[in-house]
C-alpha cells in the first residue's frame, strides 16, 4: 500500500470535509491518485447515507432569512452538536433558508425536490450527509409575509448556533413590540396564536381529560361543566400566545400589551431544535 503525505491528506480533507482517517485511507487505496481518492470518498459517503437513514437527527440549528416584509425560518437537523457548530452545516442552512424565502415551496417534500444551484435540495443534503458523516435533514420551515415581521434568535449555548427562532407578524410596524413578543414566545413556548387557532380535536382531547380529572377529584356533577370550562380557559392562558401573561409585566396579557401599543398580532412561528 502506497504511503501518503500529510499535506495531501489535509488538502483532501479541506476539499471534501471527510474525516482525517477516511482521507488517509482513500489516498492509500488510490495509491496517491488525488482525483481517484475524491471519487472513493464520494462512493463511501453515498453508501453511508443509506446506513444513516434510521439514525436520529435531534441536534441542529434554526436559521433565519429576512427581506422587507417577509421572513423565513428553517430547522435543519443533524446528529451531534459538533456538526451543528461547523461552518459547512451552517452554510448549508443559510443557503437553504434563503432559497425558501426566494421560492416559497409548499412543504418539505416540495422543498427537497426544488433546484438550488443546479442540484435538488435533497442532493445538497445527501452530499452533506456524505461529507459530514451524519444524518442531515430538514425538519420544518415557515414563511411569513406582510405587515411587519419581527424576529428573535436565541442560543441555548454560546458555542452553538441558534436553537430557538421566533417570527412575529404585526399588522403595522413596531420594532420594540415585535421584539418583546418574539422574546416572550421564545421563553414561554406558546403553541397557538389564540383560542380560535386551536384545532377542535385538541380542545376536545383536553376537555375529556379535564372532565375525567374533575370527576376523579369527587366534584359534584352539576359543577363539573363549569369547572372544566375554567380549566380550558386556564389551558388557553398557558398555550396560546395572546392569552399568555406577558413575561415583562404579568399583570397584562400579550393581547392587552399589543392593544395598548396600537398593533395587532397576526401570526407567529416558534421553532426549537428537537421539540414539537
Protein backbone atom coordinates (compact mmCIF):
# COMPACT_ATOMS: atom_id res chain seq x y z
CA UNK A 1 0.00 0.00 0.00
CA UNK A 2 1.37 3.39 -1.01
CA UNK A 3 2.46 5.80 1.67
CA UNK A 4 0.82 9.22 1.70
CA UNK A 5 2.00 12.58 2.94
CA UNK A 6 0.01 14.63 5.43
CA UNK A 7 -0.16 17.64 3.10
CA UNK A 8 -2.27 15.62 0.65
CA UNK A 9 -4.42 14.28 3.48
CA UNK A 10 -5.03 17.81 4.71
CA UNK A 11 -5.84 19.08 1.20
CA UNK A 12 -8.26 16.22 0.61
CA UNK A 13 -9.94 16.84 3.94
CA UNK A 14 -10.37 20.56 3.17
CA UNK A 15 -11.86 19.73 -0.23
CA UNK A 16 -14.29 17.03 0.87
CA UNK A 17 -14.84 17.74 4.62
CA UNK A 18 -14.36 14.00 5.21
CA UNK A 19 -12.61 12.70 8.32
CA UNK A 20 -8.81 12.65 8.53
CA UNK A 21 -8.58 8.84 8.69
CA UNK A 22 -11.05 8.42 5.81
CA UNK A 23 -8.91 10.77 3.69
CA UNK A 24 -5.74 8.88 4.56
CA UNK A 25 -7.33 5.52 3.68
CA UNK A 26 -8.70 6.89 0.39
CA UNK A 27 -5.28 8.16 -0.65
CA UNK A 28 -3.66 4.87 0.31
CA UNK A 29 -6.26 2.90 -1.66
CA UNK A 30 -5.86 5.16 -4.70
CA UNK A 31 -2.06 4.89 -4.41
CA UNK A 32 -1.73 8.65 -4.16
CA UNK A 33 -4.10 9.48 -7.05
CA UNK A 34 -5.83 12.55 -5.67
CA UNK A 35 -8.82 12.59 -8.07
CA UNK A 36 -9.43 8.88 -7.50
CA UNK A 37 -9.30 9.48 -3.73
CA UNK A 38 -12.05 12.10 -4.09
CA UNK A 39 -14.17 9.57 -6.01
CA UNK A 40 -13.60 6.90 -3.36
CA UNK A 41 -14.71 9.26 -0.60
CA UNK A 42 -17.85 10.15 -2.53
CA UNK A 43 -18.64 6.47 -3.07
CA UNK A 44 -18.11 5.76 0.61
CA UNK A 45 -20.27 8.72 1.54
CA UNK A 46 -23.11 7.64 -0.74
CA UNK A 47 -23.11 4.15 0.82
CA UNK A 48 -23.04 5.56 4.32
CA UNK A 49 -26.03 7.84 3.69
CA UNK A 50 -28.30 4.81 3.44
CA UNK A 51 -26.98 3.42 6.71
CA UNK A 52 -27.76 6.71 8.44
CA UNK A 53 -31.43 6.83 7.43
CA UNK A 54 -32.59 5.08 10.60
CA UNK A 55 -30.48 7.23 12.90
CA UNK A 56 -31.91 10.15 14.85
CA UNK A 57 -31.06 13.74 13.96
CA UNK A 58 -32.09 15.57 17.11
CA UNK A 59 -29.49 18.34 17.16
CA UNK A 60 -29.04 21.17 14.68
CA UNK A 61 -29.99 24.80 14.33
CA UNK A 62 -32.69 27.27 13.43
CA UNK A 63 -31.82 29.62 10.55
CA UNK A 64 -33.40 32.93 9.55
CA UNK A 65 -33.64 34.85 6.28
CA UNK A 66 -35.46 38.17 6.26
CA UNK A 67 -36.08 40.64 3.45
CA UNK A 68 -38.51 43.55 3.62
CA UNK A 69 -41.94 42.41 4.80
CA UNK A 70 -41.14 38.68 4.52
CA UNK A 71 -39.11 36.22 6.57
CA UNK A 72 -38.35 32.51 6.54
CA UNK A 73 -37.39 30.25 9.41
CA UNK A 74 -35.80 26.81 8.96
CA UNK A 75 -34.99 23.96 11.32
CA UNK A 76 -32.10 21.90 9.95
CA UNK A 77 -31.18 18.83 11.97
CA UNK A 78 -28.04 16.77 12.46
CA UNK A 79 -26.94 14.14 14.98
CA UNK A 80 -24.39 15.99 17.10
CA UNK A 81 -23.52 19.44 18.39
CA UNK A 82 -20.09 19.02 16.81
CA UNK A 83 -21.58 19.11 13.30
CA UNK A 84 -24.11 21.81 14.25
CA UNK A 85 -21.35 24.29 15.08
CA UNK A 86 -19.41 23.51 11.89
CA UNK A 87 -19.10 26.03 9.08
CA UNK A 88 -20.32 23.67 6.35
CA UNK A 89 -23.53 22.78 8.18
CA UNK A 90 -24.29 26.41 8.99
CA UNK A 91 -23.56 27.50 5.42
CA UNK A 92 -25.92 24.80 4.11
CA UNK A 93 -28.66 26.06 6.42
CA UNK A 94 -28.10 29.66 5.27
CA UNK A 95 -28.33 28.66 1.60
CA UNK A 96 -31.49 26.61 2.09
CA UNK A 97 -33.35 29.22 4.16
CA UNK A 98 -32.51 31.90 1.56
CA UNK A 99 -33.81 29.54 -1.12
CA UNK A 100 -37.02 29.02 0.87
CA UNK A 101 -37.69 32.74 1.05
CA UNK A 102 -36.95 33.17 -2.65
CA UNK A 103 -39.07 30.25 -3.91
CA UNK A 104 -41.78 29.73 -1.24
CA UNK A 105 -42.13 25.92 -1.53
CA UNK A 106 -45.43 24.45 -0.34
CA UNK A 107 -43.95 21.87 2.03
CA UNK A 108 -40.79 19.93 2.88
CA UNK A 109 -41.18 17.35 0.05
CA UNK A 110 -41.57 20.20 -2.48
CA UNK A 111 -38.53 21.92 -1.00
CA UNK A 112 -36.42 18.75 -1.30
CA UNK A 113 -37.33 18.41 -4.98
CA UNK A 114 -36.68 22.08 -5.81
CA UNK A 115 -33.49 23.17 -7.56
CA UNK A 116 -30.79 25.10 -5.77
CA UNK A 117 -27.55 25.99 -7.59
CA UNK A 118 -28.05 23.33 -10.24
CA UNK A 119 -28.96 20.47 -7.89
CA UNK A 120 -32.02 19.47 -5.93
CA UNK A 121 -32.06 20.42 -2.27
CA UNK A 122 -32.13 16.70 -1.48
CA UNK A 123 -28.87 16.23 -3.40
CA UNK A 124 -27.30 19.01 -1.36
CA UNK A 125 -28.41 17.23 1.82
CA UNK A 126 -27.07 13.89 0.56
CA UNK A 127 -23.69 15.49 -0.15
CA UNK A 128 -23.63 16.98 3.34
CA UNK A 129 -24.55 13.57 4.76
CA UNK A 130 -21.63 12.01 2.92
CA UNK A 131 -19.11 14.70 3.80
CA UNK A 132 -20.04 15.22 7.44
CA UNK A 133 -20.73 11.60 8.31
CA UNK A 134 -24.09 12.32 9.95
CA UNK A 135 -27.75 12.23 9.07
CA UNK A 136 -28.69 15.76 7.92
CA UNK A 137 -32.37 16.54 7.39
CA UNK A 138 -34.84 19.39 7.06
CA UNK A 139 -37.45 19.09 9.76
CA UNK A 140 -39.67 22.09 9.01
CA UNK A 141 -39.79 25.64 7.73
CA UNK A 142 -42.14 28.62 7.83
CA UNK A 143 -42.59 31.78 5.77
CA UNK A 144 -44.49 34.85 6.99
CA UNK A 145 -45.17 37.79 4.69
CA UNK A 146 -46.97 41.10 5.00
CA UNK A 147 -47.37 43.72 7.67
CA UNK A 148 -44.31 43.96 9.88
CA UNK A 149 -42.20 40.89 10.71
CA UNK A 150 -40.08 40.84 13.85
CA UNK A 151 -37.60 38.04 14.56
CA UNK A 152 -35.65 36.76 17.54
CA UNK A 153 -32.95 34.08 17.51
CA UNK A 154 -31.74 32.51 20.76
CA UNK A 155 -28.64 30.45 21.51
CA UNK A 156 -29.06 27.95 24.34
CA UNK A 157 -25.26 27.54 24.28
CA UNK A 158 -22.92 30.38 23.28
CA UNK A 159 -20.67 27.90 21.45
CA UNK A 160 -23.51 26.70 19.21
CA UNK A 161 -25.74 28.30 16.54
CA UNK A 162 -29.28 29.42 17.46
CA UNK A 163 -31.51 26.58 18.68
CA UNK A 164 -34.65 28.71 19.06
CA UNK A 165 -36.11 31.03 16.45
CA UNK A 166 -39.28 33.11 16.51
CA UNK A 167 -41.09 35.19 13.89
CA UNK A 168 -43.88 37.59 14.89
CA UNK A 169 -46.14 39.24 12.33
CA UNK A 170 -47.80 42.53 13.26
CA UNK A 171 -50.32 44.49 11.22
CA UNK A 172 -48.15 47.62 11.43
CA UNK A 173 -44.54 48.47 12.15
CA UNK A 174 -43.41 48.49 15.78
CA UNK A 175 -39.93 47.05 16.24
CA UNK A 176 -39.97 47.20 20.03
CA UNK A 177 -43.29 45.39 20.41
CA UNK A 178 -42.36 42.77 17.82
CA UNK A 179 -39.08 42.08 19.61
CA UNK A 180 -40.77 41.91 23.03
CA UNK A 181 -43.38 39.46 21.80
CA UNK A 182 -40.81 37.35 19.93
CA UNK A 183 -38.62 37.11 23.04
CA UNK A 184 -41.70 36.27 25.13
CA UNK A 185 -42.64 33.48 22.69
CA UNK A 186 -39.09 32.11 22.76
CA UNK A 187 -39.26 31.84 26.56
CA UNK A 188 -42.89 30.77 27.07
CA UNK A 189 -43.34 28.39 24.10
CA UNK A 190 -46.95 29.09 23.07
CA UNK A 191 -48.38 26.54 20.65
CA UNK A 192 -51.16 28.60 19.07
CA UNK A 193 -51.89 32.27 18.39
CA UNK A 194 -55.22 32.46 20.24
CA UNK A 195 -58.12 30.18 21.27
CA UNK A 196 -59.68 30.34 17.79
CA UNK A 197 -56.48 28.89 16.29
CA UNK A 198 -56.56 25.72 18.42
CA UNK A 199 -57.81 22.71 16.40
CA UNK A 200 -61.14 21.33 17.62
CA UNK A 201 -59.73 17.86 18.22
CA UNK A 202 -57.04 19.28 20.51
CA UNK A 203 -59.61 21.07 22.70
CA UNK A 204 -61.90 18.04 22.80
CA UNK A 205 -59.00 15.89 23.97
CA UNK A 206 -58.15 18.39 26.71
CA UNK A 207 -61.81 18.74 27.69
CA UNK A 208 -62.19 14.96 28.05
CA UNK A 209 -59.05 14.85 30.19
CA UNK A 210 -60.27 17.68 32.42
CA UNK A 211 -63.69 16.03 32.82
CA UNK A 212 -62.07 12.76 33.89
CA UNK A 213 -59.74 14.60 36.25
CA UNK A 214 -62.59 16.61 37.79
CA UNK A 215 -64.73 13.52 38.38
CA UNK A 216 -61.80 11.68 39.96
CA UNK A 217 -61.46 14.62 42.35
CA UNK A 218 -65.02 13.94 43.53
CA UNK A 219 -66.51 17.24 42.41
CA UNK A 220 -70.34 17.38 42.36
CA UNK A 221 -71.80 16.53 38.95
CA UNK A 222 -73.67 19.86 38.49
CA UNK A 223 -70.40 21.76 38.96
CA UNK A 224 -68.27 19.68 36.60
CA UNK A 225 -69.13 21.57 33.41
CA UNK A 226 -68.23 24.94 34.92
CA UNK A 227 -65.02 23.61 36.44
CA UNK A 228 -63.99 22.07 33.12
CA UNK A 229 -64.60 25.33 31.27
CA UNK A 230 -62.46 27.12 33.83
CA UNK A 231 -59.66 24.64 33.25
CA UNK A 232 -59.98 25.03 29.48
CA UNK A 233 -59.59 28.79 29.90
CA UNK A 234 -56.54 28.14 32.05
CA UNK A 235 -55.14 25.93 29.29
CA UNK A 236 -55.60 28.78 26.81
CA UNK A 237 -53.60 31.04 29.14
CA UNK A 238 -50.78 28.51 29.14
CA UNK A 239 -50.63 27.58 25.45
CA UNK A 240 -51.99 30.45 23.32
CA UNK A 241 -49.74 33.44 22.72
CA UNK A 242 -52.33 36.20 23.05
CA UNK A 243 -53.77 34.81 26.29
CA UNK A 244 -50.41 34.28 27.99
CA UNK A 245 -49.29 36.68 30.71
CA UNK A 246 -46.57 38.94 29.31
CA UNK A 247 -43.21 37.96 30.81
CA UNK A 248 -42.19 41.59 31.32
CA UNK A 249 -45.48 42.50 33.04
CA UNK A 250 -47.56 39.55 34.20
CA UNK A 251 -50.48 41.81 35.06
CA UNK A 252 -51.36 42.04 31.38
CA UNK A 253 -51.72 39.50 28.58
CA UNK A 254 -49.86 39.67 25.30
CA UNK A 255 -53.17 40.65 23.69
CA UNK A 256 -53.52 43.62 26.04
CA UNK A 257 -49.88 44.61 25.58
CA UNK A 258 -50.34 44.64 21.79
CA UNK A 259 -53.66 46.52 22.07
CA UNK A 260 -52.09 49.20 24.25
CA UNK A 261 -49.33 49.62 21.66
CA UNK A 262 -51.90 50.01 18.89
CA UNK A 263 -50.90 46.88 16.95
CA UNK A 264 -52.46 43.51 16.20
CA UNK A 265 -50.55 40.23 16.23
CA UNK A 266 -51.48 38.42 13.01
CA UNK A 267 -49.31 35.30 13.28
CA UNK A 268 -46.18 33.84 14.80
CA UNK A 269 -43.81 30.91 14.31
CA UNK A 270 -41.63 29.39 17.01
CA UNK A 271 -39.12 26.63 16.33
CA UNK A 272 -36.91 24.97 18.91
CA UNK A 273 -34.49 22.30 17.73
CA UNK A 274 -35.76 18.84 18.58
CA UNK A 275 -39.10 19.97 20.05
CA UNK A 276 -42.61 19.96 18.63
